[in-house]
């Protein structure tokens, strides 16, 4: 089984880079992409992803959590207190720095995978991700 991910990033170049990173994995499937908050809301209902990789900037001014269901992995270049408050307000499970995505995104997606999928996925994790970063 794969973790079904909706990629929500308004900058095409970043969306392409994240897509390339995730497409290299057999245990992660990008089920859709969104460039606006309204597209995110529509595609969550339509595609029912397990997780959303969500550009926190797209939620500026948003007062409510994003649609219930998928886990939200907020990504941002700014990880200050304001970004943390916004990530919490929209219901994000985690806030990742965009500068660290190449190292942190895949293990975080796999860590947040639905319970039934985690045992299948962790058996195929590279050694550097098993028992490391999340056990600290």
N, C-alpha and C. Protein backbone atom coordinates (compact mmCIF):
# COMPACT_ATOMS: atom_id res chain seq x y z
N UNK A 1 0.83 -1.19 0.00
CA UNK A 1 0.00 0.00 0.00
C UNK A 1 0.87 1.25 0.00
N UNK A 2 0.35 2.30 -0.58
CA UNK A 2 1.06 3.58 -0.66
C UNK A 2 0.36 4.61 0.21
N UNK A 3 1.14 5.56 0.68
CA UNK A 3 0.58 6.73 1.33
C UNK A 3 0.12 7.66 0.20
N UNK A 4 -1.14 8.04 0.22
CA UNK A 4 -1.73 8.89 -0.81
C UNK A 4 -1.57 10.35 -0.40
N UNK A 5 -0.84 11.12 -1.21
CA UNK A 5 -0.47 12.49 -0.85
C UNK A 5 -1.04 13.48 -1.85
N UNK A 6 -1.63 14.56 -1.32
CA UNK A 6 -2.01 15.71 -2.13
C UNK A 6 -0.91 16.75 -1.94
N UNK A 7 -0.36 17.23 -3.03
CA UNK A 7 0.72 18.21 -3.00
C UNK A 7 0.14 19.60 -3.22
N UNK A 8 0.19 20.44 -2.22
CA UNK A 8 -0.39 21.78 -2.28
C UNK A 8 0.71 22.83 -2.11
N UNK A 9 1.13 23.39 -3.22
CA UNK A 9 2.22 24.38 -3.24
C UNK A 9 1.92 25.34 -4.38
N UNK A 10 1.92 26.64 -4.10
CA UNK A 10 1.57 27.59 -5.16
C UNK A 10 2.73 27.91 -6.11
N UNK A 11 3.95 27.66 -5.71
CA UNK A 11 5.10 27.93 -6.57
C UNK A 11 5.40 26.68 -7.42
N UNK A 12 5.25 26.82 -8.72
CA UNK A 12 5.42 25.68 -9.63
C UNK A 12 6.79 25.02 -9.49
N UNK A 13 7.85 25.82 -9.36
CA UNK A 13 9.19 25.24 -9.28
C UNK A 13 9.36 24.38 -8.02
N UNK A 14 8.80 24.83 -6.90
CA UNK A 14 8.86 24.02 -5.68
C UNK A 14 7.97 22.79 -5.78
N UNK A 15 6.80 22.97 -6.37
CA UNK A 15 5.91 21.82 -6.56
C UNK A 15 6.58 20.75 -7.41
N UNK A 16 7.27 21.17 -8.45
CA UNK A 16 7.97 20.22 -9.32
C UNK A 16 9.08 19.51 -8.56
N UNK A 17 9.85 20.25 -7.75
CA UNK A 17 10.94 19.65 -6.97
C UNK A 17 10.40 18.63 -5.96
N UNK A 18 9.33 18.98 -5.28
CA UNK A 18 8.72 18.05 -4.31
C UNK A 18 8.16 16.84 -5.03
N UNK A 19 7.51 17.06 -6.16
CA UNK A 19 6.98 15.95 -6.96
C UNK A 19 8.10 14.98 -7.35
N UNK A 20 9.23 15.51 -7.82
CA UNK A 20 10.35 14.65 -8.20
C UNK A 20 10.88 13.86 -7.01
N UNK A 21 10.96 14.51 -5.85
CA UNK A 21 11.43 13.84 -4.63
C UNK A 21 10.49 12.68 -4.26
N UNK A 22 9.19 12.94 -4.27
CA UNK A 22 8.23 11.93 -3.84
C UNK A 22 8.01 10.84 -4.89
N UNK A 23 8.09 11.18 -6.15
CA UNK A 23 7.89 10.19 -7.21
C UNK A 23 8.98 9.12 -7.23
N UNK A 24 10.08 9.37 -6.57
CA UNK A 24 11.16 8.38 -6.51
C UNK A 24 10.84 7.25 -5.54
N UNK A 25 9.75 7.38 -4.79
CA UNK A 25 9.37 6.40 -3.78
C UNK A 25 8.21 5.53 -4.25
N UNK A 26 8.31 4.24 -4.02
CA UNK A 26 7.22 3.33 -4.36
C UNK A 26 6.12 3.33 -3.31
N UNK A 27 6.44 3.78 -2.09
CA UNK A 27 5.48 3.75 -0.99
C UNK A 27 4.74 5.07 -0.78
N UNK A 28 4.96 6.03 -1.69
CA UNK A 28 4.26 7.31 -1.65
C UNK A 28 3.70 7.58 -3.04
N UNK A 29 2.42 7.93 -3.09
CA UNK A 29 1.79 8.23 -4.37
C UNK A 29 1.16 9.61 -4.31
N UNK A 30 1.55 10.48 -5.23
CA UNK A 30 0.92 11.79 -5.34
C UNK A 30 -0.39 11.59 -6.10
N UNK A 31 -1.50 11.82 -5.41
CA UNK A 31 -2.81 11.61 -6.03
C UNK A 31 -3.35 12.87 -6.68
N UNK A 32 -2.73 14.01 -6.39
CA UNK A 32 -3.17 15.26 -6.98
C UNK A 32 -2.29 16.41 -6.54
N UNK A 33 -2.48 17.53 -7.22
CA UNK A 33 -1.73 18.74 -6.90
C UNK A 33 -2.69 19.92 -6.88
N UNK A 34 -2.37 20.91 -6.05
CA UNK A 34 -3.18 22.11 -5.94
C UNK A 34 -2.27 23.32 -5.81
N UNK A 35 -2.69 24.43 -6.42
CA UNK A 35 -1.91 25.67 -6.37
C UNK A 35 -2.63 26.76 -5.58
N UNK A 36 -3.87 26.49 -5.16
CA UNK A 36 -4.63 27.47 -4.38
C UNK A 36 -5.35 26.74 -3.25
N UNK A 37 -5.75 27.51 -2.26
CA UNK A 37 -6.48 26.95 -1.13
C UNK A 37 -7.81 26.35 -1.57
N UNK A 38 -8.51 27.02 -2.49
CA UNK A 38 -9.79 26.47 -2.96
C UNK A 38 -9.59 25.14 -3.70
N UNK A 39 -8.49 25.01 -4.44
CA UNK A 39 -8.19 23.73 -5.09
C UNK A 39 -7.91 22.64 -4.05
N UNK A 40 -7.22 23.01 -2.97
CA UNK A 40 -6.95 22.04 -1.90
C UNK A 40 -8.26 21.50 -1.35
N UNK A 41 -9.17 22.39 -1.01
CA UNK A 41 -10.45 21.98 -0.43
C UNK A 41 -11.21 21.08 -1.40
N UNK A 42 -11.25 21.44 -2.67
CA UNK A 42 -11.94 20.64 -3.68
C UNK A 42 -11.29 19.27 -3.85
N UNK A 43 -9.97 19.24 -3.93
CA UNK A 43 -9.27 17.98 -4.19
C UNK A 43 -9.25 17.05 -2.99
N UNK A 44 -9.29 17.60 -1.78
CA UNK A 44 -9.39 16.74 -0.61
C UNK A 44 -10.70 15.95 -0.66
N UNK A 45 -11.79 16.64 -0.98
CA UNK A 45 -13.09 15.97 -1.07
C UNK A 45 -13.12 14.95 -2.22
N UNK A 46 -12.52 15.32 -3.32
CA UNK A 46 -12.54 14.48 -4.52
C UNK A 46 -11.59 13.28 -4.43
N UNK A 47 -10.38 13.50 -3.93
CA UNK A 47 -9.33 12.47 -3.99
C UNK A 47 -9.12 11.71 -2.69
N UNK A 48 -9.57 12.26 -1.58
CA UNK A 48 -9.43 11.66 -0.25
C UNK A 48 -8.00 11.16 0.03
N UNK A 49 -7.04 12.09 0.03
CA UNK A 49 -5.66 11.71 0.31
C UNK A 49 -5.48 11.34 1.79
N UNK A 50 -4.42 10.60 2.08
CA UNK A 50 -4.05 10.31 3.46
C UNK A 50 -3.39 11.53 4.11
N UNK A 51 -2.61 12.26 3.31
CA UNK A 51 -1.84 13.39 3.81
C UNK A 51 -1.81 14.51 2.77
N UNK A 52 -1.63 15.73 3.29
CA UNK A 52 -1.46 16.90 2.42
C UNK A 52 -0.10 17.52 2.75
N UNK A 53 0.75 17.66 1.74
CA UNK A 53 1.96 18.47 1.89
C UNK A 53 1.51 19.87 1.48
N UNK A 54 1.42 20.76 2.49
CA UNK A 54 0.70 22.02 2.33
C UNK A 54 1.61 23.23 2.56
N UNK A 55 1.73 24.07 1.53
CA UNK A 55 2.47 25.33 1.65
C UNK A 55 1.71 26.24 2.60
N UNK A 56 2.30 26.49 3.75
CA UNK A 56 1.63 27.27 4.80
C UNK A 56 1.23 28.65 4.31
N UNK A 57 1.99 29.24 3.40
CA UNK A 57 1.67 30.56 2.86
C UNK A 57 0.28 30.58 2.23
N UNK A 58 -0.17 29.46 1.70
CA UNK A 58 -1.49 29.39 1.06
C UNK A 58 -2.61 29.58 2.08
N UNK A 59 -2.33 29.44 3.36
CA UNK A 59 -3.35 29.57 4.40
C UNK A 59 -3.36 30.95 5.04
N UNK A 60 -2.54 31.89 4.56
CA UNK A 60 -2.52 33.24 5.14
C UNK A 60 -3.94 33.80 5.17
N UNK A 61 -4.35 34.25 6.35
CA UNK A 61 -5.68 34.81 6.50
C UNK A 61 -6.75 33.77 6.80
N UNK A 62 -6.41 32.51 6.69
CA UNK A 62 -7.37 31.43 6.96
C UNK A 62 -7.61 31.34 8.46
N UNK A 63 -8.86 31.31 8.83
CA UNK A 63 -9.21 31.28 10.25
C UNK A 63 -9.62 29.88 10.71
N UNK A 64 -9.94 29.01 9.78
CA UNK A 64 -10.46 27.69 10.12
C UNK A 64 -9.48 26.59 9.73
N UNK A 65 -9.61 25.43 10.37
CA UNK A 65 -8.79 24.29 9.96
C UNK A 65 -9.12 23.87 8.53
N UNK A 66 -8.18 23.23 7.90
CA UNK A 66 -8.44 22.66 6.58
C UNK A 66 -9.39 21.48 6.74
N UNK A 67 -9.92 20.95 5.65
CA UNK A 67 -10.88 19.85 5.76
C UNK A 67 -10.35 18.69 6.60
N UNK A 68 -11.24 18.13 7.40
CA UNK A 68 -10.87 17.00 8.26
C UNK A 68 -10.57 15.78 7.41
N UNK A 69 -9.77 14.91 7.96
CA UNK A 69 -9.43 13.66 7.28
C UNK A 69 -7.96 13.46 7.12
N UNK A 70 -7.37 14.09 6.09
CA UNK A 70 -5.93 13.86 5.89
C UNK A 70 -5.07 14.56 6.92
N UNK A 71 -3.92 13.98 7.19
CA UNK A 71 -2.91 14.65 8.02
C UNK A 71 -2.31 15.76 7.18
N UNK A 72 -1.99 16.87 7.84
CA UNK A 72 -1.44 18.02 7.13
C UNK A 72 0.01 18.22 7.54
N UNK A 73 0.89 18.20 6.55
CA UNK A 73 2.30 18.49 6.75
C UNK A 73 2.53 19.89 6.19
N UNK A 74 2.53 20.89 7.06
CA UNK A 74 2.74 22.27 6.62
C UNK A 74 4.21 22.48 6.30
N UNK A 75 4.46 23.20 5.21
CA UNK A 75 5.83 23.52 4.81
C UNK A 75 5.95 25.03 4.64
N UNK A 76 7.09 25.58 5.06
CA UNK A 76 7.27 27.02 5.00
C UNK A 76 8.75 27.36 5.08
N UNK A 77 9.11 28.51 4.49
CA UNK A 77 10.47 29.02 4.67
C UNK A 77 10.59 29.71 6.02
N UNK A 78 9.47 30.19 6.56
CA UNK A 78 9.47 30.87 7.85
C UNK A 78 8.93 29.91 8.90
N UNK A 79 9.75 29.59 9.88
CA UNK A 79 9.30 28.70 10.95
C UNK A 79 9.34 29.42 12.29
N UNK A 80 8.93 30.67 12.28
CA UNK A 80 8.89 31.47 13.49
C UNK A 80 7.59 31.17 14.26
N UNK A 81 7.37 31.89 15.35
CA UNK A 81 6.18 31.67 16.17
C UNK A 81 4.89 31.89 15.39
N UNK A 82 4.89 32.89 14.53
CA UNK A 82 3.69 33.17 13.72
C UNK A 82 3.36 31.99 12.80
N UNK A 83 4.37 31.41 12.18
CA UNK A 83 4.15 30.25 11.31
C UNK A 83 3.65 29.06 12.13
N UNK A 84 4.20 28.88 13.31
CA UNK A 84 3.77 27.77 14.17
C UNK A 84 2.32 27.93 14.59
N UNK A 85 1.92 29.16 14.90
CA UNK A 85 0.53 29.42 15.28
C UNK A 85 -0.40 29.16 14.11
N UNK A 86 -0.03 29.60 12.92
CA UNK A 86 -0.85 29.37 11.73
C UNK A 86 -0.94 27.88 11.42
N UNK A 87 0.17 27.17 11.53
CA UNK A 87 0.16 25.72 11.28
C UNK A 87 -0.78 25.02 12.25
N UNK A 88 -0.74 25.42 13.49
CA UNK A 88 -1.64 24.84 14.50
C UNK A 88 -3.09 25.18 14.18
N UNK A 89 -3.35 26.41 13.79
CA UNK A 89 -4.72 26.86 13.49
C UNK A 89 -5.34 26.07 12.34
N UNK A 90 -4.55 25.73 11.33
CA UNK A 90 -5.12 25.00 10.19
C UNK A 90 -5.17 23.49 10.44
N UNK A 91 -4.66 23.06 11.60
CA UNK A 91 -4.73 21.64 11.93
C UNK A 91 -3.55 20.82 11.48
N UNK A 92 -2.42 21.46 11.22
CA UNK A 92 -1.23 20.73 10.76
C UNK A 92 -0.69 19.82 11.85
N UNK A 93 -0.23 18.64 11.46
CA UNK A 93 0.41 17.71 12.38
C UNK A 93 1.85 18.07 12.62
N UNK A 94 2.46 18.75 11.65
CA UNK A 94 3.87 19.09 11.72
C UNK A 94 4.13 20.29 10.81
N UNK A 95 5.17 21.05 11.15
CA UNK A 95 5.63 22.16 10.32
C UNK A 95 7.07 21.88 9.94
N UNK A 96 7.33 21.81 8.64
CA UNK A 96 8.68 21.55 8.14
C UNK A 96 9.22 22.77 7.42
N UNK A 97 10.52 22.99 7.56
CA UNK A 97 11.21 24.06 6.85
C UNK A 97 11.44 23.61 5.41
N UNK A 98 11.07 24.44 4.45
CA UNK A 98 11.25 24.08 3.04
C UNK A 98 12.72 23.82 2.71
N UNK A 99 13.63 24.43 3.44
CA UNK A 99 15.05 24.22 3.18
C UNK A 99 15.51 22.81 3.57
N UNK A 100 14.72 22.13 4.38
CA UNK A 100 15.08 20.80 4.86
C UNK A 100 14.25 19.68 4.25
N UNK A 101 13.45 19.98 3.25
CA UNK A 101 12.52 18.97 2.71
C UNK A 101 13.23 17.76 2.14
N UNK A 102 14.38 17.95 1.52
CA UNK A 102 15.05 16.80 0.91
C UNK A 102 15.44 15.76 1.95
N UNK A 103 15.64 16.19 3.18
CA UNK A 103 16.01 15.25 4.26
C UNK A 103 14.83 14.85 5.13
N UNK A 104 13.86 15.74 5.32
CA UNK A 104 12.82 15.51 6.31
C UNK A 104 11.45 15.11 5.76
N UNK A 105 11.15 15.45 4.51
CA UNK A 105 9.79 15.24 4.01
C UNK A 105 9.40 13.77 3.96
N UNK A 106 10.22 12.94 3.32
CA UNK A 106 9.87 11.53 3.18
C UNK A 106 9.73 10.83 4.53
N UNK A 107 10.69 10.95 5.44
CA UNK A 107 10.49 10.29 6.73
C UNK A 107 9.27 10.80 7.49
N UNK A 108 8.95 12.08 7.34
CA UNK A 108 7.78 12.62 8.03
C UNK A 108 6.50 12.07 7.42
N UNK A 109 6.42 12.01 6.10
CA UNK A 109 5.25 11.43 5.45
C UNK A 109 5.05 9.99 5.93
N UNK A 110 6.11 9.24 5.96
CA UNK A 110 6.01 7.83 6.36
C UNK A 110 5.66 7.69 7.84
N UNK A 111 6.19 8.58 8.66
CA UNK A 111 5.88 8.55 10.10
C UNK A 111 4.40 8.82 10.35
N UNK A 112 3.80 9.70 9.55
CA UNK A 112 2.40 10.07 9.74
C UNK A 112 1.43 9.18 8.97
N UNK A 113 1.95 8.18 8.29
CA UNK A 113 1.10 7.28 7.50
C UNK A 113 0.03 6.64 8.37
N UNK A 114 -1.13 6.36 7.78
CA UNK A 114 -2.18 5.67 8.54
C UNK A 114 -1.64 4.41 9.20
N UNK A 115 -2.14 4.11 10.38
CA UNK A 115 -1.62 3.03 11.22
C UNK A 115 -1.47 1.71 10.47
N UNK A 116 -2.40 1.33 9.66
CA UNK A 116 -2.31 0.07 8.95
C UNK A 116 -1.20 0.02 7.92
N UNK A 117 -0.75 1.19 7.48
CA UNK A 117 0.29 1.23 6.46
C UNK A 117 1.68 1.33 7.07
N UNK A 118 1.81 1.80 8.30
CA UNK A 118 3.13 2.04 8.88
C UNK A 118 3.97 0.78 8.95
N UNK A 119 3.39 -0.34 9.33
CA UNK A 119 4.21 -1.55 9.45
C UNK A 119 4.72 -2.01 8.10
N UNK A 120 3.91 -1.82 7.05
CA UNK A 120 4.35 -2.18 5.71
C UNK A 120 5.46 -1.25 5.23
N UNK A 121 5.32 0.04 5.51
CA UNK A 121 6.26 1.03 5.03
C UNK A 121 7.58 0.95 5.77
N UNK A 122 7.56 0.82 7.09
CA UNK A 122 8.81 0.84 7.84
C UNK A 122 9.70 -0.33 7.47
N UNK A 123 9.14 -1.39 6.93
CA UNK A 123 9.97 -2.51 6.53
C UNK A 123 10.79 -2.20 5.29
N UNK A 124 10.42 -1.13 4.55
CA UNK A 124 11.18 -0.77 3.36
C UNK A 124 11.92 0.56 3.53
N UNK A 125 11.92 1.11 4.73
CA UNK A 125 12.66 2.35 4.97
C UNK A 125 14.16 2.12 4.86
N UNK A 126 14.86 3.06 4.26
CA UNK A 126 16.32 2.96 4.27
C UNK A 126 16.82 2.98 5.72
N UNK A 127 17.95 2.37 5.96
CA UNK A 127 18.49 2.23 7.31
C UNK A 127 18.64 3.57 8.03
N UNK A 128 19.00 4.63 7.28
CA UNK A 128 19.22 5.92 7.95
C UNK A 128 17.94 6.50 8.53
N UNK A 129 16.76 6.03 8.08
CA UNK A 129 15.50 6.54 8.60
C UNK A 129 14.90 5.65 9.67
N UNK A 130 15.34 4.43 9.79
CA UNK A 130 14.71 3.53 10.76
C UNK A 130 15.36 3.71 12.13
N UNK A 131 14.54 4.07 13.09
CA UNK A 131 15.03 4.21 14.46
C UNK A 131 15.89 5.42 14.71
N UNK A 132 15.88 6.40 13.81
CA UNK A 132 16.75 7.54 13.98
C UNK A 132 16.04 8.79 14.41
N UNK A 133 15.75 9.64 13.49
CA UNK A 133 15.26 10.99 13.72
C UNK A 133 14.05 11.07 14.62
N UNK A 134 13.12 10.16 14.53
CA UNK A 134 11.88 10.27 15.29
C UNK A 134 11.97 9.66 16.66
N UNK A 135 13.04 8.98 16.96
CA UNK A 135 13.20 8.38 18.29
C UNK A 135 13.98 9.28 19.22
N UNK A 136 14.49 10.40 18.73
CA UNK A 136 15.31 11.30 19.55
C UNK A 136 14.49 11.95 20.64
